[in-house]
Amino acid sequence: MSTTTRHPLFTLVIVVGGLLHGFGLAYSGMARPEIVLDFLQLEDLGLLFVMGGAALVMGFAIHLGTGVLEIAPLTGNRYARREKSYDRNVVIGGIVFGVGWGLSGICPGAGYASLGIGNYEILWAIAGMFIGAYLQGLWRARRDSIDRESPATGD
């Protein structure tokens, strides 16, 4: 199976997984900004168990899946470690994400789950996420065009 051909159930599994993830976020309280802010201020550490449990389950699933299977069942791709360079974009993105999460008490996934539990005021935060992503794209495109226009060192 090539990377462009996917199993017919691929989309269904993605949708069901997203719904299950959203339900888990809503049920655990991670879709409620006030609970997340209490966690970030170290007043309520219940979410630590939620995130720790999720990390353990996923770690086990990834370890088991990559140990038993040579290729991913729904994509046909071989399991391989994806290296991501640790550069200034990663650092700046992490800082922006952390500040946004700390100020609003919501991250993108939990924001959508929060809509599902009727918190429509979260649309302001989601709009902010989209505006921030758009501005980052403009900034990066501008920076890349400047980098292409500048002469190489030593010319």
N, C-alpha and C. Protein backbone atom coordinates (compact mmCIF):
# COMPACT_ATOMS: atom_id res chain seq x y z
N MET A 1 0.84 -1.17 0.00
CA MET A 1 0.00 0.00 0.00
C MET A 1 0.89 1.24 0.00
N SER A 2 0.65 2.19 -0.88
CA SER A 2 1.46 3.40 -0.93
C SER A 2 0.93 4.44 0.05
N THR A 3 1.65 5.55 0.14
CA THR A 3 1.23 6.59 1.08
C THR A 3 0.00 7.34 0.59
N THR A 4 -0.33 7.24 -0.71
CA THR A 4 -1.50 7.93 -1.23
C THR A 4 -2.75 7.07 -1.17
N THR A 5 -2.59 5.76 -1.00
CA THR A 5 -3.73 4.87 -0.91
C THR A 5 -3.94 4.49 0.54
N ARG A 6 -5.14 4.73 1.02
CA ARG A 6 -5.43 4.41 2.41
C ARG A 6 -6.54 3.39 2.48
N HIS A 7 -6.56 2.68 3.57
CA HIS A 7 -7.60 1.70 3.82
C HIS A 7 -8.96 2.38 3.80
N PRO A 8 -10.01 1.70 3.30
CA PRO A 8 -11.34 2.33 3.25
C PRO A 8 -11.87 2.77 4.62
N LEU A 9 -11.41 2.16 5.68
CA LEU A 9 -11.89 2.53 7.02
C LEU A 9 -11.09 3.66 7.66
N PHE A 10 -10.08 4.16 6.94
CA PHE A 10 -9.19 5.18 7.52
C PHE A 10 -9.98 6.38 8.04
N THR A 11 -10.83 6.96 7.21
CA THR A 11 -11.58 8.16 7.61
C THR A 11 -12.52 7.85 8.77
N LEU A 12 -13.18 6.71 8.73
CA LEU A 12 -14.08 6.33 9.82
C LEU A 12 -13.32 6.21 11.13
N VAL A 13 -12.16 5.60 11.11
CA VAL A 13 -11.36 5.44 12.33
C VAL A 13 -10.92 6.81 12.85
N ILE A 14 -10.56 7.72 11.96
CA ILE A 14 -10.16 9.07 12.37
C ILE A 14 -11.34 9.79 13.03
N VAL A 15 -12.52 9.71 12.42
CA VAL A 15 -13.70 10.38 12.97
C VAL A 15 -14.07 9.79 14.34
N VAL A 16 -14.11 8.46 14.43
CA VAL A 16 -14.46 7.81 15.69
C VAL A 16 -13.41 8.14 16.76
N GLY A 17 -12.14 8.13 16.37
CA GLY A 17 -11.09 8.48 17.32
C GLY A 17 -11.21 9.91 17.80
N GLY A 18 -11.54 10.83 16.90
CA GLY A 18 -11.73 12.23 17.28
C GLY A 18 -12.90 12.40 18.23
N LEU A 19 -14.01 11.71 17.93
CA LEU A 19 -15.17 11.78 18.82
C LEU A 19 -14.86 11.20 20.20
N LEU A 20 -14.15 10.09 20.23
CA LEU A 20 -13.76 9.48 21.50
C LEU A 20 -12.82 10.40 22.28
N HIS A 21 -11.88 11.00 21.57
CA HIS A 21 -10.96 11.94 22.22
C HIS A 21 -11.72 13.14 22.79
N GLY A 22 -12.64 13.70 22.01
CA GLY A 22 -13.44 14.83 22.47
C GLY A 22 -14.29 14.47 23.67
N PHE A 23 -14.88 13.26 23.64
CA PHE A 23 -15.67 12.81 24.79
C PHE A 23 -14.78 12.70 26.02
N GLY A 24 -13.59 12.15 25.85
CA GLY A 24 -12.67 12.01 26.99
C GLY A 24 -12.26 13.37 27.55
N LEU A 25 -12.00 14.34 26.67
CA LEU A 25 -11.66 15.68 27.14
C LEU A 25 -12.82 16.30 27.91
N ALA A 26 -14.04 16.15 27.38
CA ALA A 26 -15.21 16.72 28.04
C ALA A 26 -15.48 16.03 29.38
N TYR A 27 -15.42 14.70 29.39
CA TYR A 27 -15.72 13.92 30.60
C TYR A 27 -14.70 14.19 31.71
N SER A 28 -13.44 14.35 31.32
CA SER A 28 -12.38 14.54 32.32
C SER A 28 -12.34 15.97 32.87
N GLY A 29 -12.99 16.89 32.20
CA GLY A 29 -12.97 18.28 32.65
C GLY A 29 -11.98 19.14 31.90
N MET A 30 -11.20 18.56 31.00
CA MET A 30 -10.20 19.34 30.28
C MET A 30 -10.83 20.30 29.28
N ALA A 31 -12.12 20.18 29.02
CA ALA A 31 -12.81 21.10 28.11
C ALA A 31 -13.39 22.29 28.86
N ARG A 32 -13.16 22.34 30.16
CA ARG A 32 -13.66 23.47 30.96
C ARG A 32 -12.47 24.32 31.40
N PRO A 33 -12.34 25.53 30.83
CA PRO A 33 -11.16 26.36 31.11
C PRO A 33 -10.91 26.60 32.60
N GLU A 34 -11.97 26.74 33.39
CA GLU A 34 -11.76 27.01 34.82
C GLU A 34 -11.07 25.84 35.52
N ILE A 35 -11.35 24.62 35.09
CA ILE A 35 -10.69 23.45 35.68
C ILE A 35 -9.23 23.40 35.25
N VAL A 36 -8.97 23.69 33.98
CA VAL A 36 -7.60 23.70 33.48
C VAL A 36 -6.78 24.79 34.18
N LEU A 37 -7.37 25.97 34.36
CA LEU A 37 -6.64 27.04 35.05
C LEU A 37 -6.35 26.67 36.50
N ASP A 38 -7.28 25.99 37.16
CA ASP A 38 -7.02 25.50 38.52
C ASP A 38 -5.85 24.52 38.52
N PHE A 39 -5.78 23.67 37.51
CA PHE A 39 -4.69 22.72 37.38
C PHE A 39 -3.37 23.46 37.16
N LEU A 40 -3.37 24.44 36.25
CA LEU A 40 -2.14 25.18 35.95
C LEU A 40 -1.65 25.99 37.14
N GLN A 41 -2.56 26.37 38.03
CA GLN A 41 -2.18 27.11 39.23
C GLN A 41 -1.90 26.17 40.40
N LEU A 42 -1.86 24.88 40.13
CA LEU A 42 -1.56 23.83 41.11
C LEU A 42 -2.58 23.78 42.24
N GLU A 43 -3.81 24.18 41.96
CA GLU A 43 -4.87 24.12 42.95
C GLU A 43 -5.67 22.82 42.87
N ASP A 44 -5.69 22.20 41.69
CA ASP A 44 -6.43 20.94 41.49
C ASP A 44 -5.59 20.08 40.56
N LEU A 45 -4.99 19.03 41.09
CA LEU A 45 -4.08 18.20 40.31
C LEU A 45 -4.77 16.98 39.68
N GLY A 46 -6.10 16.98 39.64
CA GLY A 46 -6.81 15.85 39.06
C GLY A 46 -6.48 15.61 37.60
N LEU A 47 -6.24 16.68 36.84
CA LEU A 47 -5.92 16.53 35.42
C LEU A 47 -4.55 15.88 35.22
N LEU A 48 -3.70 15.94 36.23
CA LEU A 48 -2.41 15.27 36.13
C LEU A 48 -2.62 13.77 35.95
N PHE A 49 -3.59 13.20 36.64
CA PHE A 49 -3.89 11.77 36.49
C PHE A 49 -4.52 11.48 35.13
N VAL A 50 -5.33 12.40 34.63
CA VAL A 50 -5.94 12.23 33.31
C VAL A 50 -4.85 12.20 32.24
N MET A 51 -3.98 13.20 32.27
CA MET A 51 -2.92 13.27 31.25
C MET A 51 -1.91 12.14 31.42
N GLY A 52 -1.58 11.81 32.66
CA GLY A 52 -0.66 10.70 32.90
C GLY A 52 -1.23 9.38 32.42
N GLY A 53 -2.50 9.15 32.69
CA GLY A 53 -3.15 7.92 32.22
C GLY A 53 -3.19 7.85 30.70
N ALA A 54 -3.49 8.96 30.06
CA ALA A 54 -3.51 8.99 28.59
C ALA A 54 -2.11 8.72 28.03
N ALA A 55 -1.09 9.30 28.65
CA ALA A 55 0.28 9.10 28.18
C ALA A 55 0.70 7.63 28.34
N LEU A 56 0.32 7.01 29.44
CA LEU A 56 0.65 5.59 29.64
C LEU A 56 -0.03 4.70 28.63
N VAL A 57 -1.32 4.93 28.39
CA VAL A 57 -2.06 4.12 27.42
C VAL A 57 -1.45 4.28 26.03
N MET A 58 -1.18 5.52 25.62
CA MET A 58 -0.61 5.74 24.28
C MET A 58 0.80 5.18 24.18
N GLY A 59 1.59 5.35 25.22
CA GLY A 59 2.94 4.79 25.20
C GLY A 59 2.91 3.28 25.03
N PHE A 60 2.02 2.63 25.76
CA PHE A 60 1.88 1.18 25.65
C PHE A 60 1.41 0.78 24.25
N ALA A 61 0.41 1.50 23.72
CA ALA A 61 -0.12 1.18 22.39
C ALA A 61 0.94 1.36 21.31
N ILE A 62 1.71 2.44 21.40
CA ILE A 62 2.76 2.67 20.40
C ILE A 62 3.85 1.62 20.52
N HIS A 63 4.25 1.31 21.74
CA HIS A 63 5.29 0.30 21.94
C HIS A 63 4.82 -1.06 21.42
N LEU A 64 3.61 -1.43 21.75
CA LEU A 64 3.07 -2.71 21.30
C LEU A 64 2.88 -2.72 19.78
N GLY A 65 2.31 -1.64 19.25
CA GLY A 65 2.06 -1.59 17.80
C GLY A 65 3.32 -1.65 16.98
N THR A 66 4.33 -0.89 17.36
CA THR A 66 5.57 -0.89 16.59
C THR A 66 6.38 -2.16 16.81
N GLY A 67 6.17 -2.83 17.92
CA GLY A 67 6.89 -4.08 18.18
C GLY A 67 6.29 -5.26 17.45
N VAL A 68 4.99 -5.26 17.24
CA VAL A 68 4.30 -6.38 16.63
C VAL A 68 4.10 -6.18 15.12
N LEU A 69 3.78 -4.97 14.73
CA LEU A 69 3.46 -4.69 13.33
C LEU A 69 4.62 -3.97 12.64
N GLU A 70 4.86 -4.32 11.39
CA GLU A 70 5.89 -3.62 10.63
C GLU A 70 5.34 -2.40 9.91
N ILE A 71 4.05 -2.45 9.55
CA ILE A 71 3.43 -1.33 8.86
C ILE A 71 2.14 -0.94 9.57
N ALA A 72 1.77 0.31 9.44
CA ALA A 72 0.53 0.80 10.04
C ALA A 72 -0.64 0.19 9.28
N PRO A 73 -1.63 -0.38 9.98
CA PRO A 73 -2.70 -1.11 9.31
C PRO A 73 -3.56 -0.27 8.36
N LEU A 74 -3.80 0.98 8.68
CA LEU A 74 -4.71 1.78 7.85
C LEU A 74 -4.02 2.61 6.79
N THR A 75 -2.72 2.86 6.92
CA THR A 75 -2.03 3.68 5.92
C THR A 75 -1.07 2.87 5.06
N GLY A 76 -0.59 1.76 5.57
CA GLY A 76 0.38 0.98 4.83
C GLY A 76 1.80 1.51 4.94
N ASN A 77 2.00 2.56 5.71
CA ASN A 77 3.34 3.13 5.90
C ASN A 77 4.10 2.33 6.93
N ARG A 78 5.42 2.25 6.74
CA ARG A 78 6.27 1.60 7.73
C ARG A 78 6.39 2.49 8.95
N TYR A 79 6.44 1.88 10.10
CA TYR A 79 6.68 2.64 11.32
C TYR A 79 8.12 3.13 11.31
N ALA A 80 8.30 4.40 11.53
CA ALA A 80 9.65 4.97 11.60
C ALA A 80 9.61 6.18 12.50
N ARG A 81 10.70 6.43 13.14
CA ARG A 81 10.80 7.61 13.99
C ARG A 81 10.91 8.84 13.10
N ARG A 82 10.12 9.83 13.42
CA ARG A 82 10.15 11.08 12.67
C ARG A 82 10.94 12.09 13.47
N GLU A 83 12.05 12.48 12.93
CA GLU A 83 12.91 13.43 13.61
C GLU A 83 12.45 14.85 13.29
N LYS A 84 12.28 15.65 14.28
CA LYS A 84 11.93 17.06 14.12
C LYS A 84 13.04 17.86 14.75
N SER A 85 13.60 18.77 13.96
CA SER A 85 14.70 19.57 14.49
C SER A 85 14.20 20.47 15.62
N TYR A 86 15.07 20.69 16.56
CA TYR A 86 14.76 21.54 17.71
C TYR A 86 15.35 22.90 17.39
N ASP A 87 14.53 23.76 16.75
CA ASP A 87 15.02 25.05 16.32
C ASP A 87 14.21 26.17 16.96
N ARG A 88 14.46 27.39 16.52
CA ARG A 88 13.78 28.53 17.14
C ARG A 88 12.27 28.49 16.91
N ASN A 89 11.80 27.92 15.80
CA ASN A 89 10.36 27.82 15.57
C ASN A 89 9.69 26.95 16.63
N VAL A 90 10.36 25.87 17.01
CA VAL A 90 9.81 24.99 18.04
C VAL A 90 9.77 25.71 19.38
N VAL A 91 10.83 26.41 19.71
CA VAL A 91 10.90 27.13 20.99
C VAL A 91 9.85 28.25 21.03
N ILE A 92 9.79 29.07 19.98
CA ILE A 92 8.84 30.18 19.95
C ILE A 92 7.41 29.64 19.95
N GLY A 93 7.15 28.61 19.16
CA GLY A 93 5.81 28.01 19.14
C GLY A 93 5.40 27.47 20.49
N GLY A 94 6.33 26.83 21.17
CA GLY A 94 6.04 26.31 22.50
C GLY A 94 5.74 27.41 23.50
N ILE A 95 6.48 28.49 23.40
CA ILE A 95 6.23 29.62 24.30
C ILE A 95 4.86 30.23 24.04
N VAL A 96 4.55 30.47 22.76
CA VAL A 96 3.25 31.06 22.41
C VAL A 96 2.12 30.15 22.84
N PHE A 97 2.26 28.85 22.58
CA PHE A 97 1.23 27.89 22.98
C PHE A 97 1.06 27.90 24.50
N GLY A 98 2.16 27.86 25.23
CA GLY A 98 2.09 27.83 26.69
C GLY A 98 1.47 29.09 27.28
N VAL A 99 1.83 30.24 26.74
CA VAL A 99 1.26 31.50 27.23
C VAL A 99 -0.24 31.53 26.92
N GLY A 100 -0.60 31.14 25.70
CA GLY A 100 -2.03 31.12 25.34
C GLY A 100 -2.82 30.17 26.20
N TRP A 101 -2.25 28.99 26.46
CA TRP A 101 -2.93 28.00 27.30
C TRP A 101 -3.06 28.52 28.72
N GLY A 102 -1.99 29.14 29.21
CA GLY A 102 -2.01 29.65 30.57
C GLY A 102 -2.99 30.80 30.77
N LEU A 103 -3.12 31.67 29.76
CA LEU A 103 -4.03 32.80 29.87
C LEU A 103 -5.49 32.40 29.70
N SER A 104 -5.74 31.49 28.77
CA SER A 104 -7.13 31.15 28.45
C SER A 104 -7.62 29.87 29.14
N GLY A 105 -6.69 28.98 29.48
CA GLY A 105 -7.08 27.71 30.08
C GLY A 105 -7.62 26.72 29.06
N ILE A 106 -7.31 26.95 27.80
CA ILE A 106 -7.85 26.07 26.76
C ILE A 106 -6.79 25.85 25.68
N CYS A 107 -6.73 24.64 25.17
CA CYS A 107 -5.87 24.33 24.03
C CYS A 107 -6.78 23.95 22.86
N PRO A 108 -6.24 23.84 21.65
CA PRO A 108 -7.12 23.64 20.49
C PRO A 108 -8.06 22.43 20.59
N GLY A 109 -7.57 21.28 20.94
CA GLY A 109 -8.44 20.10 21.03
C GLY A 109 -9.54 20.26 22.06
N ALA A 110 -9.17 20.75 23.22
CA ALA A 110 -10.16 20.95 24.27
C ALA A 110 -11.13 22.07 23.92
N GLY A 111 -10.69 23.02 23.10
CA GLY A 111 -11.57 24.09 22.66
C GLY A 111 -12.74 23.55 21.86
N TYR A 112 -12.45 22.64 20.95
CA TYR A 112 -13.52 22.04 20.15
C TYR A 112 -14.42 21.16 21.02
N ALA A 113 -13.82 20.44 21.95
CA ALA A 113 -14.63 19.61 22.86
C ALA A 113 -15.51 20.51 23.74
N SER A 114 -15.01 21.68 24.08
CA SER A 114 -15.78 22.62 24.89
C SER A 114 -17.02 23.09 24.14
N LEU A 115 -16.91 23.23 22.83
CA LEU A 115 -18.10 23.55 22.03
C LEU A 115 -19.14 22.45 22.17
N GLY A 116 -18.67 21.21 22.20
CA GLY A 116 -19.57 20.06 22.30
C GLY A 116 -20.33 19.99 23.61
N ILE A 117 -19.81 20.63 24.66
CA ILE A 117 -20.53 20.63 25.94
C ILE A 117 -21.31 21.93 26.14
N GLY A 118 -21.41 22.72 25.06
CA GLY A 118 -22.27 23.90 25.11
C GLY A 118 -21.60 25.19 25.54
N ASN A 119 -20.28 25.22 25.60
CA ASN A 119 -19.57 26.44 25.98
C ASN A 119 -19.29 27.25 24.72
N TYR A 120 -20.28 27.99 24.27
CA TYR A 120 -20.16 28.72 23.01
C TYR A 120 -19.30 29.98 23.14
N GLU A 121 -19.06 30.44 24.36
CA GLU A 121 -18.16 31.58 24.55
C GLU A 121 -16.73 31.21 24.16
N ILE A 122 -16.45 29.92 24.07
CA ILE A 122 -15.11 29.47 23.69
C ILE A 122 -14.80 29.81 22.24
N LEU A 123 -15.84 30.19 21.48
CA LEU A 123 -15.62 30.60 20.09
C LEU A 123 -14.64 31.77 19.99
N TRP A 124 -14.59 32.64 21.02
CA TRP A 124 -13.61 33.72 21.03
C TRP A 124 -12.19 33.15 21.07
N ALA A 125 -11.97 32.15 21.89
CA ALA A 125 -10.64 31.54 21.99
C ALA A 125 -10.29 30.82 20.70
N ILE A 126 -11.26 30.13 20.11
CA ILE A 126 -11.01 29.42 18.85
C ILE A 126 -10.70 30.42 17.74
N ALA A 127 -11.42 31.54 17.71
CA ALA A 127 -11.13 32.59 16.73
C ALA A 127 -9.71 33.10 16.93
N GLY A 128 -9.31 33.28 18.18
CA GLY A 128 -7.94 33.72 18.47
C GLY A 128 -6.90 32.72 17.98
N MET A 129 -7.20 31.41 18.12
CA MET A 129 -6.28 30.39 17.62
C MET A 129 -6.13 30.49 16.11
N PHE A 130 -7.25 30.66 15.40
CA PHE A 130 -7.19 30.77 13.94
C PHE A 130 -6.45 32.03 13.51
N ILE A 131 -6.72 33.15 14.18
CA ILE A 131 -6.04 34.40 13.84
C ILE A 131 -4.54 34.26 14.10
N GLY A 132 -4.18 33.66 15.22
CA GLY A 132 -2.77 33.45 15.54
C GLY A 132 -2.08 32.55 14.52
N ALA A 133 -2.75 31.48 14.12
CA ALA A 133 -2.17 30.58 13.12
C ALA A 133 -2.00 31.29 11.78
N TYR A 134 -2.99 32.10 11.42
CA TYR A 134 -2.91 32.85 10.16
C TYR A 134 -1.76 33.84 10.19
N LEU A 135 -1.63 34.59 11.29
CA LEU A 135 -0.55 35.57 11.41
C LEU A 135 0.82 34.88 11.41
N GLN A 136 0.90 33.73 12.04
CA GLN A 136 2.17 32.99 12.04
C GLN A 136 2.51 32.55 10.62
N GLY A 137 1.51 32.12 9.86
CA GLY A 137 1.74 31.73 8.47
C GLY A 137 2.23 32.90 7.63
N LEU A 138 1.61 34.07 7.81
CA LEU A 138 2.07 35.28 7.09
C LEU A 138 3.50 35.63 7.47
N TRP A 139 3.78 35.60 8.77
CA TRP A 139 5.12 35.93 9.25
C TRP A 139 6.17 34.96 8.68
N ARG A 140 5.84 33.68 8.69
CA ARG A 140 6.80 32.68 8.20
C ARG A 140 7.00 32.81 6.69
N ALA A 141 5.92 33.06 5.95
CA ALA A 141 6.05 33.23 4.50
C ALA A 141 6.91 34.47 4.19
N ARG A 142 6.70 35.53 4.94
CA ARG A 142 7.50 36.74 4.74
C ARG A 142 8.96 36.48 5.07
N ARG A 143 9.20 35.79 6.17
CA ARG A 143 10.58 35.48 6.56
C ARG A 143 11.26 34.58 5.53
N ASP A 144 10.52 33.59 5.01
CA ASP A 144 11.09 32.69 4.00
C ASP A 144 11.40 33.43 2.71
N SER A 145 10.53 34.38 2.31
CA SER A 145 10.79 35.14 1.08
C SER A 145 12.00 36.05 1.27
N ILE A 146 12.19 36.61 2.44
CA ILE A 146 13.36 37.44 2.72
C ILE A 146 14.61 36.58 2.69
N ASP A 147 14.54 35.37 3.26
CA ASP A 147 15.69 34.46 3.24
C ASP A 147 16.06 34.06 1.83
N ARG A 148 15.07 33.88 0.94
CA ARG A 148 15.36 33.50 -0.45
C ARG A 148 15.97 34.68 -1.23
N GLU A 149 15.57 35.90 -0.89
CA GLU A 149 16.05 37.08 -1.61
C GLU A 149 17.45 37.48 -1.20
N SER A 150 17.82 37.19 0.04
CA SER A 150 19.14 37.61 0.51
C SER A 150 20.21 36.73 -0.12
N PRO A 151 21.35 37.33 -0.53
CA PRO A 151 22.41 36.54 -1.14
C PRO A 151 23.06 35.60 -0.13
N ALA A 152 23.51 34.46 -0.62
CA ALA A 152 24.18 33.48 0.23
C ALA A 152 25.47 34.07 0.77
N THR A 153 25.85 33.66 1.97
CA THR A 153 27.09 34.14 2.57
C THR A 153 28.27 33.70 1.73
N GLY A 154 29.19 34.62 1.45
CA GLY A 154 30.39 34.30 0.69
C GLY A 154 30.27 34.63 -0.77
N ASP A 155 29.15 35.19 -1.22
CA ASP A 155 29.01 35.57 -2.63
C ASP A 155 29.61 36.92 -2.90
